[in-house]
C-alpha atoms as a PDB file:
ATOM      1  CA  MET A   1     110.899 111.041  75.094  1.00  0.00           C
ATOM      2  CA  ALA A   2     112.394 111.060  78.543  1.00  0.00           C
ATOM      3  CA  ASP A   3     114.479 114.267  79.116  1.00  0.00           C
ATOM      4  CA  ASN A   4     118.024 112.845  79.542  1.00  0.00           C
ATOM      5  CA  THR A   5     119.702 116.121  79.929  1.00  0.00           C
ATOM      6  CA  LYS A   6     120.824 115.330  83.529  1.00  0.00           C
ATOM      7  CA  THR A   7     121.989 111.996  82.595  1.00  0.00           C
ATOM      8  CA  LYS A   8     124.605 113.436  80.219  1.00  0.00           C
ATOM      9  CA  THR A   9     125.573 116.030  82.504  1.00  0.00           C
ATOM     10  CA  TRP A  10     125.520 113.897  85.943  1.00  0.00           C
ATOM     11  CA  ASP A  11     126.524 110.190  85.269  1.00  0.00           C
ATOM     12  CA  ALA A  12     128.974 107.648  87.388  1.00  0.00           C
ATOM     13  CA  THR A  13     132.106 109.585  85.719  1.00  0.00           C
ATOM     14  CA  ARG A  14     131.105 112.623  87.815  1.00  0.00           C
ATOM     15  CA  LEU A  15     131.865 110.548  91.259  1.00  0.00           C
ATOM     16  CA  PRO A  16     134.070 112.238  93.582  1.00  0.00           C
ATOM     17  CA  ASP A  17     137.280 110.284  94.554  1.00  0.00           C
ATOM     18  CA  LEU A  18     136.446 107.854  96.911  1.00  0.00           C
ATOM     19  CA  THR A  19     139.869 106.501  97.698  1.00  0.00           C
ATOM     20  CA  GLY A  20     140.221 105.350 101.221  1.00  0.00           C
ATOM     21  CA  ARG A  21     136.759 105.211 101.836  1.00  0.00           C
ATOM     22  CA  THR A  22     134.292 101.763 102.562  1.00  0.00           C
ATOM     23  CA  ALA A  23     130.949 101.224 101.003  1.00  0.00           C
ATOM     24  CA  LEU A  24     128.635  98.341 101.869  1.00  0.00           C
ATOM     25  CA  VAL A  25     126.044  97.625  99.392  1.00  0.00           C
ATOM     26  CA  THR A  26     123.531  95.121 100.247  1.00  0.00           C
ATOM     27  CA  GLY A  27     122.285  92.768  97.128  1.00  0.00           C
ATOM     28  CA  ALA A  28     125.552  93.669  95.382  1.00  0.00           C
ATOM     29  CA  ASN A  29     125.554  90.483  93.200  1.00  0.00           C
ATOM     30  CA  SER A  30     123.265  91.721  90.189  1.00  0.00           C
ATOM     31  CA  GLY A  31     121.196  94.433  88.991  1.00  0.00           C
ATOM     32  CA  ILE A  32     121.381  98.041  90.121  1.00  0.00           C
ATOM     33  CA  GLY A  33     123.484  96.711  93.107  1.00  0.00           C
ATOM     34  CA  ARG A  34     125.874  95.491  91.232  1.00  0.00           C
ATOM     35  CA  THR A  35     126.343  98.288  88.863  1.00  0.00           C
ATOM     36  CA  ALA A  36     126.511 100.799  91.949  1.00  0.00           C
ATOM     37  CA  ALA A  37     129.055  98.896  93.634  1.00  0.00           C
ATOM     38  CA  ASP A  38     131.355  98.708  90.223  1.00  0.00           C
ATOM     39  CA  ALA A  39     130.941 102.386  90.100  1.00  0.00           C
ATOM     40  CA  LEU A  40     131.786 103.076  93.758  1.00  0.00           C
ATOM     41  CA  ALA A  41     135.039 100.803  93.379  1.00  0.00           C
ATOM     42  CA  ARG A  42     135.752 102.532  90.225  1.00  0.00           C
ATOM     43  CA  ALA A  43     135.794 105.647  92.056  1.00  0.00           C
ATOM     44  CA  GLY A  44     138.531 104.402  94.478  1.00  0.00           C
ATOM     45  CA  ALA A  45     136.119 102.845  97.411  1.00  0.00           C
ATOM     46  CA  HIS A  46     136.449  99.480  98.837  1.00  0.00           C
ATOM     47  CA  VAL A  47     133.160  98.181  98.276  1.00  0.00           C
ATOM     48  CA  VAL A  48     131.668  95.300 100.258  1.00  0.00           C
ATOM     49  CA  PHE A  49     129.391  92.814  98.539  1.00  0.00           C
ATOM     50  CA  ALA A  50     126.805  92.136 101.507  1.00  0.00           C
ATOM     51  CA  VAL A  51     124.755  89.053  99.576  1.00  0.00           C
ATOM     52  CA  ARG A  52     122.916  86.054 100.670  1.00  0.00           C
ATOM     53  CA  ASP A  53     124.976  83.754  98.246  1.00  0.00           C
ATOM     54  CA  PRO A  54     128.609  84.075  98.575  1.00  0.00           C
ATOM     55  CA  GLU A  55     129.365  82.290  95.177  1.00  0.00           C
ATOM     56  CA  ARG A  56     127.030  84.738  93.163  1.00  0.00           C
ATOM     57  CA  GLY A  57     128.358  87.631  95.102  1.00  0.00           C
ATOM     58  CA  LEU A  58     132.048  86.349  94.291  1.00  0.00           C
ATOM     59  CA  ALA A  59     131.225  86.022  90.489  1.00  0.00           C
ATOM     60  CA  ALA A  60     129.637  89.695  90.420  1.00  0.00           C
ATOM     61  CA  ALA A  61     132.851  90.889  92.373  1.00  0.00           C
ATOM     62  CA  ALA A  62     134.849  89.427  89.791  1.00  0.00           C
ATOM     63  CA  THR A  63     133.424  91.358  87.060  1.00  0.00           C
ATOM     64  CA  VAL A  64     133.991  94.883  89.164  1.00  0.00           C
ATOM     65  CA  HIS A  65     137.057  96.930  88.611  1.00  0.00           C
ATOM     66  CA  GLY A  66     138.500  98.020  92.000  1.00  0.00           C
ATOM     67  CA  SER A  67     139.011  96.937  95.689  1.00  0.00           C
ATOM     68  CA  THR A  68     136.272  94.471  96.894  1.00  0.00           C
ATOM     69  CA  GLU A  69     134.978  91.775  99.203  1.00  0.00           C
ATOM     70  CA  VAL A  70     132.239  89.612  99.836  1.00  0.00           C
ATOM     71  CA  ARG A  71     130.293  88.571 102.809  1.00  0.00           C
ATOM     72  CA  ARG A  72     127.126  86.615 103.474  1.00  0.00           C
ATOM     73  CA  LEU A  73     123.955  88.506 104.436  1.00  0.00           C
ATOM     74  CA  ASP A  74     120.366  87.326 104.548  1.00  0.00           C
ATOM     75  CA  LEU A  75     118.262  89.805 105.271  1.00  0.00           C
ATOM     76  CA  ALA A  76     115.161  87.805 105.458  1.00  0.00           C
ATOM     77  CA  ASP A  77     116.796  85.967 108.979  1.00  0.00           C
ATOM     78  CA  LEU A  78     117.669  88.212 111.681  1.00  0.00           C
ATOM     79  CA  SER A  79     120.039  86.067 113.124  1.00  0.00           C
ATOM     80  CA  SER A  80     122.406  86.586 109.809  1.00  0.00           C
ATOM     81  CA  VAL A  81     122.023  89.984 110.101  1.00  0.00           C
ATOM     82  CA  ARG A  82     123.434  90.356 113.772  1.00  0.00           C
ATOM     83  CA  GLU A  83     126.175  87.935 112.825  1.00  0.00           C
ATOM     84  CA  PHE A  84     127.210  90.077 110.039  1.00  0.00           C
ATOM     85  CA  ALA A  85     127.093  92.967 112.312  1.00  0.00           C
ATOM     86  CA  ASP A  86     129.218  91.129 114.987  1.00  0.00           C
ATOM     87  CA  ALA A  87     131.732  90.384 112.250  1.00  0.00           C
ATOM     88  CA  TRP A  88     132.279  93.806 111.342  1.00  0.00           C
ATOM     89  CA  GLN A  89     134.415  94.403 114.401  1.00  0.00           C
ATOM     90  CA  GLY A  90     134.472  98.269 114.480  1.00  0.00           C
ATOM     91  CA  ARG A  91     135.613  98.897 111.059  1.00  0.00           C
ATOM     92  CA  PRO A  92     134.764 102.506 109.747  1.00  0.00           C
ATOM     93  CA  LEU A  93     131.979 102.528 107.346  1.00  0.00           C
ATOM     94  CA  ASP A  94     131.665 105.565 105.072  1.00  0.00           C
ATOM     95  CA  LEU A  95     128.709 104.546 103.013  1.00  0.00           C
ATOM     96  CA  LEU A  96     125.978 101.997 104.029  1.00  0.00           C
ATOM     97  CA  ILE A  97     123.915 101.321 100.916  1.00  0.00           C
ATOM     98  CA  ASN A  98     120.437  99.510 101.690  1.00  0.00           C
ATOM     99  CA  ASN A  99     119.843  98.009  98.116  1.00  0.00           C
ATOM    100  CA  ALA A 100     118.662  94.741  98.319  1.00  0.00           C
ATOM    101  CA  GLY A 101     114.929  93.807  97.843  1.00  0.00           C
ATOM    102  CA  VAL A 102     112.191  91.564  96.723  1.00  0.00           C
ATOM    103  CA  MET A 103     109.064  92.538  94.854  1.00  0.00           C
ATOM    104  CA  MET A 104     105.646  91.441  94.500  1.00  0.00           C
ATOM    105  CA  LEU A 105     106.208  87.810  95.725  1.00  0.00           C
ATOM    106  CA  PRO A 106     103.748  85.124  96.494  1.00  0.00           C
ATOM    107  CA  GLN A 107     102.923  84.837  99.831  1.00  0.00           C
ATOM    108  CA  GLN A 108     105.975  83.917 101.688  1.00  0.00           C
ATOM    109  CA  ARG A 109     107.515  84.463 105.303  1.00  0.00           C
ATOM    110  CA  THR A 110     111.194  85.420 106.682  1.00  0.00           C
ATOM    111  CA  ALA A 111     112.825  83.106 109.033  1.00  0.00           C
ATOM    112  CA  ASP A 112     111.554  85.026 111.893  1.00  0.00           C
ATOM    113  CA  GLY A 113     107.905  84.914 110.403  1.00  0.00           C
ATOM    114  CA  PHE A 114     107.436  88.080 109.042  1.00  0.00           C
ATOM    115  CA  GLU A 115     105.854  88.903 105.671  1.00  0.00           C
ATOM    116  CA  MET A 116     108.739  88.449 103.000  1.00  0.00           C
ATOM    117  CA  GLN A 117     108.584  91.926 101.512  1.00  0.00           C
ATOM    118  CA  PHE A 118     108.299  94.128 104.877  1.00  0.00           C
ATOM    119  CA  GLY A 119     110.706  91.592 106.565  1.00  0.00           C
ATOM    120  CA  THR A 120     113.335  91.862 104.011  1.00  0.00           C
ATOM    121  CA  ASN A 121     112.936  95.093 102.397  1.00  0.00           C
ATOM    122  CA  HIS A 122     112.110  97.017 105.901  1.00  0.00           C
ATOM    123  CA  LEU A 123     112.890  95.082 108.958  1.00  0.00           C
ATOM    124  CA  GLY A 124     116.134  93.345 107.527  1.00  0.00           C
ATOM    125  CA  HIS A 125     117.642  96.771 106.751  1.00  0.00           C
ATOM    126  CA  PHE A 126     116.484  98.279 110.036  1.00  0.00           C
ATOM    127  CA  ALA A 127     118.372  96.028 112.007  1.00  0.00           C
ATOM    128  CA  LEU A 128     121.350  96.147 109.824  1.00  0.00           C
ATOM    129  CA  THR A 129     121.292  99.799 109.875  1.00  0.00           C
ATOM    130  CA  ASN A 130     121.003 100.401 113.668  1.00  0.00           C
ATOM    131  CA  LEU A 131     123.530  97.566 114.277  1.00  0.00           C
ATOM    132  CA  LEU A 132     126.104  99.052 112.236  1.00  0.00           C
ATOM    133  CA  LEU A 133     125.398 102.568 112.611  1.00  0.00           C
ATOM    134  CA  PRO A 134     128.060 103.208 115.282  1.00  0.00           C
ATOM    135  CA  TYR A 135     130.373 102.829 112.594  1.00  0.00           C
ATOM    136  CA  VAL A 136     128.987 104.819 109.814  1.00  0.00           C
ATOM    137  CA  THR A 137     130.998 107.917 109.099  1.00  0.00           C
ATOM    138  CA  ASP A 138     129.032 109.523 106.094  1.00  0.00           C
ATOM    139  CA  ARG A 139     125.451 108.460 105.100  1.00  0.00           C
ATOM    140  CA  VAL A 140     123.016 105.650 104.654  1.00  0.00           C
ATOM    141  CA  VAL A 141     121.129 105.474 101.424  1.00  0.00           C
ATOM    142  CA  THR A 142     118.085 103.133 101.443  1.00  0.00           C
ATOM    143  CA  LEU A 143     116.088 101.999  98.244  1.00  0.00           C
ATOM    144  CA  SER A 144     112.473 102.879  97.847  1.00  0.00           C
ATOM    145  CA  SER A 145     110.186 102.914  94.840  1.00  0.00           C
ATOM    146  CA  GLY A 146     107.597 104.675  93.147  1.00  0.00           C
ATOM    147  CA  ALA A 147     105.257 101.960  94.346  1.00  0.00           C
ATOM    148  CA  HIS A 148     105.293 103.630  97.722  1.00  0.00           C
ATOM    149  CA  ARG A 149     102.630 105.912  96.199  1.00  0.00           C
ATOM    150  CA  MET A 150     100.288 102.973  94.666  1.00  0.00           C
ATOM    151  CA  PHE A 151      98.281 100.184  95.538  1.00  0.00           C
ATOM    152  CA  ASP A 152      96.562 101.617  98.522  1.00  0.00           C
ATOM    153  CA  ALA A 153      99.970 102.016 100.146  1.00  0.00           C
ATOM    154  CA  ARG A 154     100.015 102.433 103.900  1.00  0.00           C
ATOM    155  CA  ILE A 155     101.473 100.891 107.021  1.00  0.00           C
ATOM    156  CA  ARG A 156      99.190  98.276 108.103  1.00  0.00           C
ATOM    157  CA  PHE A 157     100.078  98.422 111.933  1.00  0.00           C
ATOM    158  CA  GLU A 158      96.918  96.240 112.546  1.00  0.00           C
ATOM    159  CA  ASP A 159      98.302  93.339 109.972  1.00  0.00           C
ATOM    160  CA  LEU A 160     101.852  94.369 109.145  1.00  0.00           C
ATOM    161  CA  ASP A 161     102.302  90.559 107.752  1.00  0.00           C
ATOM    162  CA  PHE A 162      99.082  90.334 105.787  1.00  0.00           C
ATOM    163  CA  THR A 163      97.815  87.374 107.758  1.00  0.00           C
ATOM    164  CA  SER A 164      94.498  88.125 105.816  1.00  0.00           C
ATOM    165  CA  GLY A 165      93.811  89.257 102.347  1.00  0.00           C
ATOM    166  CA  TYR A 166      97.565  88.975 101.151  1.00  0.00           C
ATOM    167  CA  ASN A 167      98.055  91.233  98.119  1.00  0.00           C
ATOM    168  CA  PRO A 168     101.575  91.034  96.657  1.00  0.00           C
ATOM    169  CA  ASN A 169     101.484  94.378  95.462  1.00  0.00           C
ATOM    170  CA  ARG A 170      99.997  96.087  98.386  1.00  0.00           C
ATOM    171  CA  ALA A 171     102.634  94.350 100.568  1.00  0.00           C
ATOM    172  CA  TYR A 172     105.472  95.576  98.326  1.00  0.00           C
ATOM    173  CA  ALA A 173     104.285  98.965  98.537  1.00  0.00           C
ATOM    174  CA  GLN A 174     103.979  98.753 102.208  1.00  0.00           C
ATOM    175  CA  SER A 175     107.756  97.882 102.210  1.00  0.00           C
ATOM    176  CA  LYS A 176     108.645 100.648 100.026  1.00  0.00           C
ATOM    177  CA  LEU A 177     106.457 103.177 102.016  1.00  0.00           C
ATOM    178  CA  ALA A 178     108.404 101.853 105.348  1.00  0.00           C
ATOM    179  CA  ASN A 179     111.880 102.557 103.399  1.00  0.00           C
ATOM    180  CA  LEU A 180     110.876 106.066 103.085  1.00  0.00           C
ATOM    181  CA  LEU A 181     109.600 106.422 106.729  1.00  0.00           C
ATOM    182  CA  PHE A 182     112.632 104.606 108.065  1.00  0.00           C
ATOM    183  CA  THR A 183     114.572 107.160 106.229  1.00  0.00           C
ATOM    184  CA  LEU A 184     112.677 110.129 107.709  1.00  0.00           C
ATOM    185  CA  GLU A 185     112.736 108.996 111.354  1.00  0.00           C
ATOM    186  CA  LEU A 186     116.488 108.159 110.941  1.00  0.00           C
ATOM    187  CA  GLN A 187     117.343 111.314 109.848  1.00  0.00           C
ATOM    188  CA  ARG A 188     115.442 113.068 112.774  1.00  0.00           C
ATOM    189  CA  ARG A 189     117.552 110.901 115.319  1.00  0.00           C
ATOM    190  CA  LEU A 190     120.720 111.658 113.603  1.00  0.00           C
ATOM    191  CA  ALA A 191     120.093 115.188 113.769  1.00  0.00           C
ATOM    192  CA  GLU A 192     119.017 115.440 117.263  1.00  0.00           C
ATOM    193  CA  ALA A 193     121.832 113.378 118.438  1.00  0.00           C
ATOM    194  CA  GLY A 194     124.214 115.949 116.648  1.00  0.00           C
ATOM    195  CA  SER A 195     125.525 113.445 114.197  1.00  0.00           C
ATOM    196  CA  PRO A 196     127.069 114.748 110.619  1.00  0.00           C
ATOM    197  CA  VAL A 197     125.619 111.341 109.183  1.00  0.00           C
ATOM    198  CA  ARG A 198     122.808 111.640 106.699  1.00  0.00           C
ATOM    199  CA  ALA A 199     120.066 109.480 105.906  1.00  0.00           C
ATOM    200  CA  MET A 200     118.934 109.461 102.330  1.00  0.00           C
ATOM    201  CA  ALA A 201     116.549 107.874  99.972  1.00  0.00           C
ATOM    202  CA  ALA A 202     116.534 106.856  96.539  1.00  0.00           C
ATOM    203  CA  HIS A 203     114.474 105.104  93.710  1.00  0.00           C
ATOM    204  CA  PRO A 204     115.775 104.019  90.124  1.00  0.00           C
ATOM    205  CA  GLY A 205     112.520 104.653  88.082  1.00  0.00           C
ATOM    206  CA  TYR A 206     111.720 101.892  85.892  1.00  0.00           C
ATOM    207  CA  ALA A 207     114.951 100.100  85.700  1.00  0.00           C
ATOM    208  CA  ALA A 208     115.294  96.580  84.135  1.00  0.00           C
ATOM    209  CA  THR A 209     116.525  94.388  86.265  1.00  0.00           C
ATOM    210  CA  ASN A 210     115.907  90.909  87.539  1.00  0.00           C
ATOM    211  CA  LEU A 211     113.934  91.978  90.409  1.00  0.00           C
ATOM    212  CA  GLN A 212     110.646  91.943  88.340  1.00  0.00           C
ATOM    213  CA  SER A 213     111.319  88.280  87.262  1.00  0.00           C
ATOM    214  CA  HIS A 214     109.894  87.237  90.892  1.00  0.00           C
ATOM    215  CA  ALA A 215     106.840  88.736  90.581  1.00  0.00           C
ATOM    216  CA  GLY A 216     104.049  86.271  91.844  1.00  0.00           C
ATOM    217  CA  ASN A 217     101.392  87.017  89.343  1.00  0.00           C
ATOM    218  CA  PRO A 218     102.390  85.613  85.705  1.00  0.00           C
ATOM    219  CA  VAL A 219     100.334  88.137  84.291  1.00  0.00           C
ATOM    220  CA  MET A 220     102.286  90.832  85.974  1.00  0.00           C
ATOM    221  CA  ARG A 221     105.731  89.032  85.163  1.00  0.00           C
ATOM    222  CA  GLY A 222     104.658  89.128  81.531  1.00  0.00           C
ATOM    223  CA  MET A 223     103.711  92.720  81.618  1.00  0.00           C
ATOM    224  CA  MET A 224     106.970  93.441  83.321  1.00  0.00           C
ATOM    225  CA  LYS A 225     109.222  91.637  80.736  1.00  0.00           C
ATOM    226  CA  ILE A 226     107.668  93.764  77.946  1.00  0.00           C
ATOM    227  CA  GLY A 227     108.038  96.811  79.826  1.00  0.00           C
ATOM    228  CA  ASN A 228     111.927  95.728  80.637  1.00  0.00           C
ATOM    229  CA  ARG A 229     112.238  95.283  77.216  1.00  0.00           C
ATOM    230  CA  PHE A 230     110.502  98.383  75.430  1.00  0.00           C
ATOM    231  CA  PHE A 231     110.199 101.378  78.202  1.00  0.00           C
ATOM    232  CA  ALA A 232     112.921 100.739  80.908  1.00  0.00           C
ATOM    233  CA  GLN A 233     116.167 102.365  81.220  1.00  0.00           C
ATOM    234  CA  ASP A 234     119.254 100.028  81.947  1.00  0.00           C
ATOM    235  CA  ASP A 235     120.674  99.268  85.049  1.00  0.00           C
ATOM    236  CA  ARG A 236     123.366 101.898  84.564  1.00  0.00           C
ATOM    237  CA  ALA A 237     120.914 104.567  84.219  1.00  0.00           C
ATOM    238  CA  GLY A 238     118.778 102.960  87.282  1.00  0.00           C
ATOM    239  CA  ALA A 239     121.868 103.201  89.766  1.00  0.00           C
ATOM    240  CA  LEU A 240     122.547 106.897  89.212  1.00  0.00           C
ATOM    241  CA  PRO A 241     119.938 107.854  92.063  1.00  0.00           C
ATOM    242  CA  THR A 242     121.694 105.751  94.350  1.00  0.00           C
ATOM    243  CA  LEU A 243     125.163 107.015  93.459  1.00  0.00           C
ATOM    244  CA  TYR A 244     124.034 110.500  93.302  1.00  0.00           C
ATOM    245  CA  ALA A 245     122.284 110.438  97.107  1.00  0.00           C
ATOM    246  CA  ALA A 246     125.477 108.672  98.223  1.00  0.00           C
ATOM    247  CA  THR A 247     128.166 111.373  97.233  1.00  0.00           C
ATOM    248  CA  GLN A 248     126.421 114.711  96.582  1.00  0.00           C
ATOM    249  CA  ASP A 249     125.928 117.405  98.938  1.00  0.00           C
ATOM    250  CA  LEU A 250     122.300 117.036  99.758  1.00  0.00           C
ATOM    251  CA  PRO A 251     120.205 117.897 102.900  1.00  0.00           C
ATOM    252  CA  GLY A 252     119.360 114.569 105.005  1.00  0.00           C
ATOM    253  CA  ALA A 253     116.424 113.015 104.303  1.00  0.00           C
ATOM    254  CA  SER A 254     116.578 113.818 100.582  1.00  0.00           C
ATOM    255  CA  TYR A 255     114.928 111.551  98.029  1.00  0.00           C
ATOM    256  CA  VAL A 256     116.483 110.983  94.794  1.00  0.00           C
ATOM    257  CA  GLY A 257     115.135 109.611  91.698  1.00  0.00           C
ATOM    258  CA  PRO A 258     114.556 110.028  87.989  1.00  0.00           C
ATOM    259  CA  ASP A 259     114.032 113.489  86.445  1.00  0.00           C
ATOM    260  CA  GLY A 260     112.118 112.444  83.515  1.00  0.00           C
ATOM    261  CA  ARG A 261     108.061 112.068  83.097  1.00  0.00           C
ATOM    262  CA  GLY A 262     106.604 110.055  86.065  1.00  0.00           C
ATOM    263  CA  GLU A 263     110.262 109.689  87.546  1.00  0.00           C
ATOM    264  CA  LEU A 264     110.430 106.537  85.315  1.00  0.00           C
ATOM    265  CA  ARG A 265     113.404 107.531  83.387  1.00  0.00           C
ATOM    266  CA  GLY A 266     116.227 110.151  83.445  1.00  0.00           C
ATOM    267  CA  GLY A 267     119.101 111.513  85.242  1.00  0.00           C
ATOM    268  CA  PRO A 268     119.151 111.735  89.152  1.00  0.00           C
ATOM    269  CA  THR A 269     117.365 114.774  90.741  1.00  0.00           C
ATOM    270  CA  LEU A 270     115.672 115.368  94.040  1.00  0.00           C
ATOM    271  CA  VAL A 271     111.855 113.960  93.924  1.00  0.00           C
ATOM    272  CA  GLY A 272     108.736 114.378  95.781  1.00  0.00           C
ATOM    273  CA  ARG A 273     107.154 111.692  98.169  1.00  0.00           C
ATOM    274  CA  SER A 274     103.471 110.969  99.066  1.00  0.00           C
ATOM    275  CA  ALA A 275     101.812 112.499 102.233  1.00  0.00           C
ATOM    276  CA  ALA A 276     102.068 109.126 103.877  1.00  0.00           C
ATOM    277  CA  ALA A 277     105.864 108.840 103.454  1.00  0.00           C
ATOM    278  CA  SER A 278     105.942 112.570 105.015  1.00  0.00           C
ATOM    279  CA  ASP A 279     103.879 111.474 107.971  1.00  0.00           C
ATOM    280  CA  VAL A 280     106.358 112.120 111.197  1.00  0.00           C
ATOM    281  CA  ALA A 281     103.912 110.457 113.560  1.00  0.00           C
ATOM    282  CA  VAL A 282     103.765 107.084 111.777  1.00  0.00           C
ATOM    283  CA  ALA A 283     107.361 107.291 110.899  1.00  0.00           C
ATOM    284  CA  ARG A 284     107.763 107.401 114.473  1.00  0.00           C
ATOM    285  CA  ARG A 285     105.480 104.969 115.410  1.00  0.00           C
ATOM    286  CA  LEU A 286     106.946 102.602 112.534  1.00  0.00           C
ATOM    287  CA  TRP A 287     110.200 103.115 114.475  1.00  0.00           C
ATOM    288  CA  THR A 288     108.854 101.733 117.930  1.00  0.00           C
ATOM    289  CA  VAL A 289     107.268  98.707 116.338  1.00  0.00           C
ATOM    290  CA  SER A 290     110.309  97.958 114.116  1.00  0.00           C
ATOM    291  CA  GLU A 291     112.633  97.988 117.214  1.00  0.00           C
ATOM    292  CA  GLU A 292     109.728  95.503 119.136  1.00  0.00           C
ATOM    293  CA  LEU A 293     109.894  93.347 116.118  1.00  0.00           C
ATOM    294  CA  THR A 294     113.427  92.979 115.383  1.00  0.00           C
ATOM    295  CA  GLY A 295     115.025  93.138 119.035  1.00  0.00           C
ATOM    296  CA  VAL A 296     117.259  95.979 117.731  1.00  0.00           C
ATOM    297  CA  SER A 297     117.160  99.214 119.245  1.00  0.00           C
ATOM    298  CA  TRP A 298     118.466 103.106 118.352  1.00  0.00           C
ATOM    299  CA  ALA A 299     122.460 103.231 118.468  1.00  0.00           C
ATOM    300  CA  SER A 300     123.240 104.741 121.817  1.00  0.00           C
ATOM    301  CA  GLY A 301     126.383 106.035 120.033  1.00  0.00           C
ATOM    302  CA  ALA A 302     124.851 107.382 117.065  1.00  0.00           C
ATOM    303  CA  GLY A 303     125.850 111.027 117.830  1.00  0.00           C
ATOM    304  CA  ASP A 304     129.589 110.241 118.414  1.00  0.00           C
ATOM    305  CA  ARG A 305     131.183 109.414 114.807  1.00  0.00           C
ATOM    306  CA  GLY A 306     134.486 109.859 116.119  1.00  0.00           C
ATOM    307  CA  GLY A 307     134.928 106.393 116.787  1.00  0.00           C
ATOM    308  CA  ALA A 308     132.918 102.945 117.260  1.00  0.00           C
ATOM    309  CA  ARG A 309     131.714 103.634 120.803  1.00  0.00           C
ATOM    310  CA  GLY A 310     128.296 102.653 121.717  1.00  0.00           C
ATOM    311  CA  ARG A 311     127.136  99.296 120.135  1.00  0.00           C
ATOM    312  CA  VAL A 312     123.525  99.086 119.546  1.00  0.00           C
ATOM    313  CA  ALA A 313     121.652  97.321 122.300  1.00  0.00           C
ATOM    314  CA  ALA A 314     120.119  94.051 120.769  1.00  0.00           C
ATOM    315  CA  GLU A 315     118.169  91.590 122.699  1.00  0.00           C
ATOM    316  CA  ARG A 316     118.969  88.066 121.844  1.00  0.00           C
END
């Protein structure tokens, strides 16, 4: 049986007062994102639902107790990411939670031609974060997964888009490994710039959400359906690592997940990562490649959090 001690001692009721703060949650229309958004709003934050489908976002926001707004964002389309950032107009942003993601899809491409999982889970959030970073005042939390240790996970610089030998599991694992390497390099750059902003990562363990229903392999979908019913924790427990990483006093580049066996269930705690996810040289190389692929570079004003100075240089 999973050890739920920390779930009992730290849950969403232990969140600090977030009155006057603004949080942006990507993919907040369902699952862990909606649950996290609801908890943040209940704690007093104004929560921005950044979602691909505004109608679904509005329906989700209507179930949340607190101050919300809905804005369209398609992470699989870099023009949408730029439009979203341009519309932000210098407004302070306390918490940026990079939650949205796709999982184990049949082979697909983003609007810009990238493999869908790498393009959405990593490149979309990479561009969004750098474009909004001059306005972030507290921290960036990016969702990864235990899958970063699985399926021969590595950054395939020779073929990031799996143009040959596509495997949905390996493509997903690469994207989740990229999330952790992005966090590692983002924190290094923030610290070097003298910024108080912290980059964090989190993973939900095995949480029952609709993410698993999109797996391309029908056998995998069937196994996940069974797992969701009998083994997974619910989205409220799955959101706790995100909330913990977003609000607790933790070192930069911390990685938060469940404290139970295999990090599948339990209360939020600091967890380890694979050697591949700790490789600073690969993290730097991935950052450089991501800048080249997205046309979005490191925020020149990242070290100055007093105002929205120094917009990111984005090649059009």
